[in-house]
Protein backbone atom coordinates (compact mmCIF):
# COMPACT_ATOMS: atom_id res chain seq x y z
CA GLU A 1 0.00 0.00 0.00
CA ARG A 2 1.01 3.58 -0.65
CA GLU A 3 -0.58 6.99 -0.49
CA ALA A 4 -2.48 8.03 -3.59
CA MET A 5 -0.60 10.12 -6.10
CA ASN A 6 -3.47 11.53 -8.06
CA ILE A 7 -5.68 14.59 -8.01
CA PHE A 8 -9.20 15.37 -9.24
CA TYR A 9 -9.98 18.94 -10.21
CA VAL A 10 -12.79 21.05 -11.58
CA GLY A 11 -11.13 22.89 -14.43
CA MET A 12 -12.04 26.15 -16.09
CA THR A 13 -10.33 28.13 -18.83
CA ASN A 14 -9.70 31.81 -18.16
CA THR A 15 -10.21 32.92 -21.76
CA PHE A 16 -13.99 32.40 -21.59
CA GLU A 17 -16.61 34.80 -20.28
CA HIS A 18 -17.12 34.58 -16.52
CA PHE A 19 -13.91 32.57 -15.98
CA SER A 20 -11.63 35.43 -17.05
CA ASP A 21 -12.40 37.04 -13.68
CA VAL A 22 -10.25 35.61 -10.89
CA ASN A 23 -12.99 36.49 -8.40
CA VAL A 24 -15.44 34.25 -10.26
CA ARG A 25 -12.93 31.40 -10.26
CA GLN A 26 -12.33 31.86 -6.54
CA ALA A 27 -16.07 32.06 -5.85
CA ILE A 28 -16.61 28.76 -7.64
CA ALA A 29 -13.79 27.21 -5.63
CA MET A 30 -15.38 28.41 -2.38
CA GLY A 31 -18.83 27.27 -3.49
CA ILE A 32 -17.86 23.62 -3.88
CA ASP A 33 -18.18 21.38 -0.84
CA ARG A 34 -15.21 19.15 -1.57
CA ASP A 35 -15.70 17.20 1.67
CA ARG A 36 -19.18 16.25 0.48
CA LEU A 37 -17.82 15.01 -2.86
CA VAL A 38 -15.12 12.89 -1.25
CA ASP A 39 -17.42 11.53 1.47
CA ASN A 40 -20.16 10.55 -0.98
CA PHE A 41 -18.36 9.44 -4.13
CA TYR A 42 -14.85 8.25 -3.26
CA PRO A 43 -13.58 5.07 -1.60
CA VAL A 44 -12.86 4.94 2.12
CA GLY A 45 -9.45 6.45 2.83
CA SER A 46 -9.77 9.14 0.15
CA GLU A 47 -9.12 12.67 1.31
CA VAL A 48 -9.86 16.19 0.19
CA ALA A 49 -6.90 17.80 -1.50
CA THR A 50 -5.45 20.88 0.13
CA HIS A 51 -3.16 21.67 -2.82
CA PHE A 52 -3.00 20.85 -6.53
CA THR A 53 -0.22 18.35 -5.89
CA PRO A 54 -0.86 15.43 -3.52
CA CYS A 55 0.85 15.63 -0.14
CA SER A 56 2.40 12.21 -0.79
CA VAL A 57 4.68 13.94 -3.33
CA PRO A 58 7.65 15.70 -1.68
CA ASN A 59 6.89 19.44 -1.38
CA GLY A 60 3.42 18.78 -2.79
CA CYS A 61 1.64 20.61 0.01
CA THR A 62 3.78 23.66 0.55
CA GLY A 63 2.24 27.11 0.29
CA ASP A 64 -1.30 28.23 0.94
CA GLU A 65 -4.06 25.66 1.20
CA TRP A 66 -7.04 25.69 -1.16
CA TYR A 67 -10.11 27.81 -0.42
CA ALA A 68 -12.43 26.69 2.38
CA TYR A 69 -16.03 25.90 1.57
CA ASP A 70 -18.02 29.09 2.13
CA PRO A 71 -21.12 29.39 -0.07
CA GLU A 72 -22.16 32.76 1.41
CA ALA A 73 -18.77 34.29 0.62
CA ALA A 74 -18.95 32.69 -2.84
CA LYS A 75 -22.32 34.35 -3.53
CA ALA A 76 -20.97 37.70 -2.32
CA MET A 77 -17.90 37.38 -4.56
CA LEU A 78 -20.09 36.59 -7.56
CA ALA A 79 -22.23 39.64 -6.80
CA ASP A 80 -19.13 41.83 -6.47
CA ALA A 81 -17.89 40.46 -9.81
CA GLY A 82 -21.11 41.61 -11.47
CA TYR A 83 -23.15 38.41 -11.21
CA PRO A 84 -25.60 39.00 -8.35
CA ASN A 85 -28.00 36.51 -9.96
CA GLY A 86 -25.26 34.10 -11.01
CA PHE A 87 -24.88 32.95 -14.60
CA GLU A 88 -25.29 29.91 -16.82
CA THR A 89 -22.50 27.53 -17.75
CA LYS A 90 -21.83 23.89 -18.55
CA ILE A 91 -20.15 20.98 -16.78
CA PHE A 92 -18.27 18.74 -19.20
CA TYR A 93 -17.02 15.26 -18.41
CA ARG A 94 -16.23 11.93 -20.00
CA ASP A 95 -18.07 8.93 -18.66
CA VAL A 96 -15.07 6.76 -17.83
CA PHE A 97 -13.84 5.44 -14.49
CA ARG A 98 -10.54 6.90 -13.33
CA SER A 99 -8.91 6.57 -9.93
CA TYR A 100 -9.17 10.34 -9.52
CA LEU A 101 -12.86 10.34 -10.56
CA PRO A 102 -14.54 6.97 -9.98
CA GLU A 103 -18.13 8.28 -10.33
CA PRO A 104 -18.05 11.06 -12.94
CA GLY A 105 -21.81 11.23 -13.55
CA LEU A 106 -22.67 11.34 -9.86
CA VAL A 107 -20.00 13.94 -9.14
CA ALA A 108 -21.21 16.09 -12.06
CA THR A 109 -24.80 15.93 -10.80
CA ASP A 110 -23.81 16.80 -7.24
CA LEU A 111 -21.58 19.62 -8.47
CA GLN A 112 -24.47 20.94 -10.55
CA ALA A 113 -26.64 21.11 -7.40
CA GLN A 114 -23.88 22.77 -5.38
CA LEU A 115 -23.37 25.43 -8.04
CA LYS A 116 -27.11 26.09 -8.11
CA ASP A 117 -26.85 26.91 -4.39
CA ILE A 118 -24.51 29.82 -5.22
CA GLY A 119 -26.58 31.00 -8.20
CA ILE A 120 -24.82 29.26 -11.08
CA THR A 121 -27.03 27.20 -13.39
CA ALA A 122 -25.02 24.48 -15.08
CA THR A 123 -26.07 22.01 -17.74
CA ILE A 124 -24.21 18.72 -17.90
CA GLU A 125 -22.58 17.62 -21.15
CA VAL A 126 -21.12 14.13 -21.44
CA MET A 127 -18.45 13.86 -24.12
CA GLU A 128 -16.71 10.99 -25.85
CA SER A 129 -13.40 10.40 -24.06
CA GLY A 130 -11.02 11.23 -26.90
CA ALA A 131 -12.87 14.40 -27.87
CA PHE A 132 -13.06 15.47 -24.21
CA ILE A 133 -9.29 15.12 -23.70
CA GLU A 134 -8.56 16.91 -26.98
CA GLU A 135 -10.91 19.82 -26.23
CA SER A 136 -9.95 20.22 -22.55
CA SER A 137 -6.22 20.00 -23.30
CA ALA A 138 -6.58 22.67 -25.98
CA GLY A 139 -8.52 25.00 -23.67
CA ARG A 140 -11.65 24.90 -25.82
CA LEU A 141 -14.28 23.89 -23.24
CA ASP A 142 -16.40 26.93 -22.44
CA GLY A 143 -17.51 25.81 -19.01
CA LEU A 144 -16.33 23.72 -16.09
CA TYR A 145 -14.84 20.30 -16.69
CA LEU A 146 -14.03 17.32 -14.52
CA LEU A 147 -10.53 15.98 -14.92
CA GLY A 148 -7.56 14.81 -12.93
CA TRP A 149 -4.01 13.60 -13.03
CA ASN A 150 -2.26 10.39 -12.05
CA ALA A 151 1.42 10.85 -11.30
CA ASP A 152 3.79 9.50 -13.93
CA TYR A 153 6.55 9.86 -11.35
CA PRO A 154 6.50 11.10 -7.73
CA HIS A 155 7.77 14.64 -8.22
CA ILE A 156 5.99 17.98 -7.98
CA THR A 157 7.11 18.92 -11.49
CA ASN A 158 5.03 16.07 -12.94
CA PHE A 159 1.92 17.96 -11.82
CA LEU A 160 2.91 21.62 -12.00
CA ASP A 161 5.05 21.69 -15.14
CA TYR A 162 2.46 19.91 -17.24
CA HIS A 163 -0.51 21.97 -16.08
CA PHE A 164 0.88 25.46 -15.51
CA THR A 165 3.49 26.21 -18.15
CA ALA A 166 2.85 28.58 -21.04
CA SER A 167 2.93 25.65 -23.48
CA ASN A 168 -0.30 24.20 -22.01
CA PRO A 169 -3.44 26.13 -23.06
CA GLN A 170 -5.76 24.00 -20.89
CA PHE A 171 -6.49 26.69 -18.29
CA GLY A 172 -6.18 29.61 -20.72
CA ASP A 173 -3.73 32.47 -20.59
CA PRO A 174 -0.84 31.71 -18.23
CA ILE A 175 -0.38 33.81 -15.12
CA PRO A 176 3.18 35.19 -15.14
CA GLU A 177 3.51 34.99 -11.34
CA VAL A 178 2.85 31.24 -11.51
């Protein structure tokens, strides 16, 4: 046995309306009850991630932890960002079992309900696996998408370099500070 070296994330690309605003992205992060998702849809022993890189990877959990669940603050942030009544979006996923997402349909449905609680109406779109990977990797999904990463090797660069370098358009325009 060993600690898991994978991560599930709700992705969004910052070149699309709504998601270009960092406050909207942060509001969505605060509006998701990650404990609920792990408790209801993951095997016993699974844990909520505090960082993008698993803590089982050396230096994987240095720096600030992820946003705490706070739906009231999320609603206030959306209002401050110009969306007092929320907005409409989509949740994309591929219907395949992965260790980082064993129940994609159930997670998408629960996420849809959680977003509704903060004023975001999301329709669910199931995609064929190959098309989903191609479109998400190219940064062409104009909504939220459910994806993850299994470590190819146990080093922080396996997670961060792939996802956050300028050569990867998945999340949109790179942030120079990152």
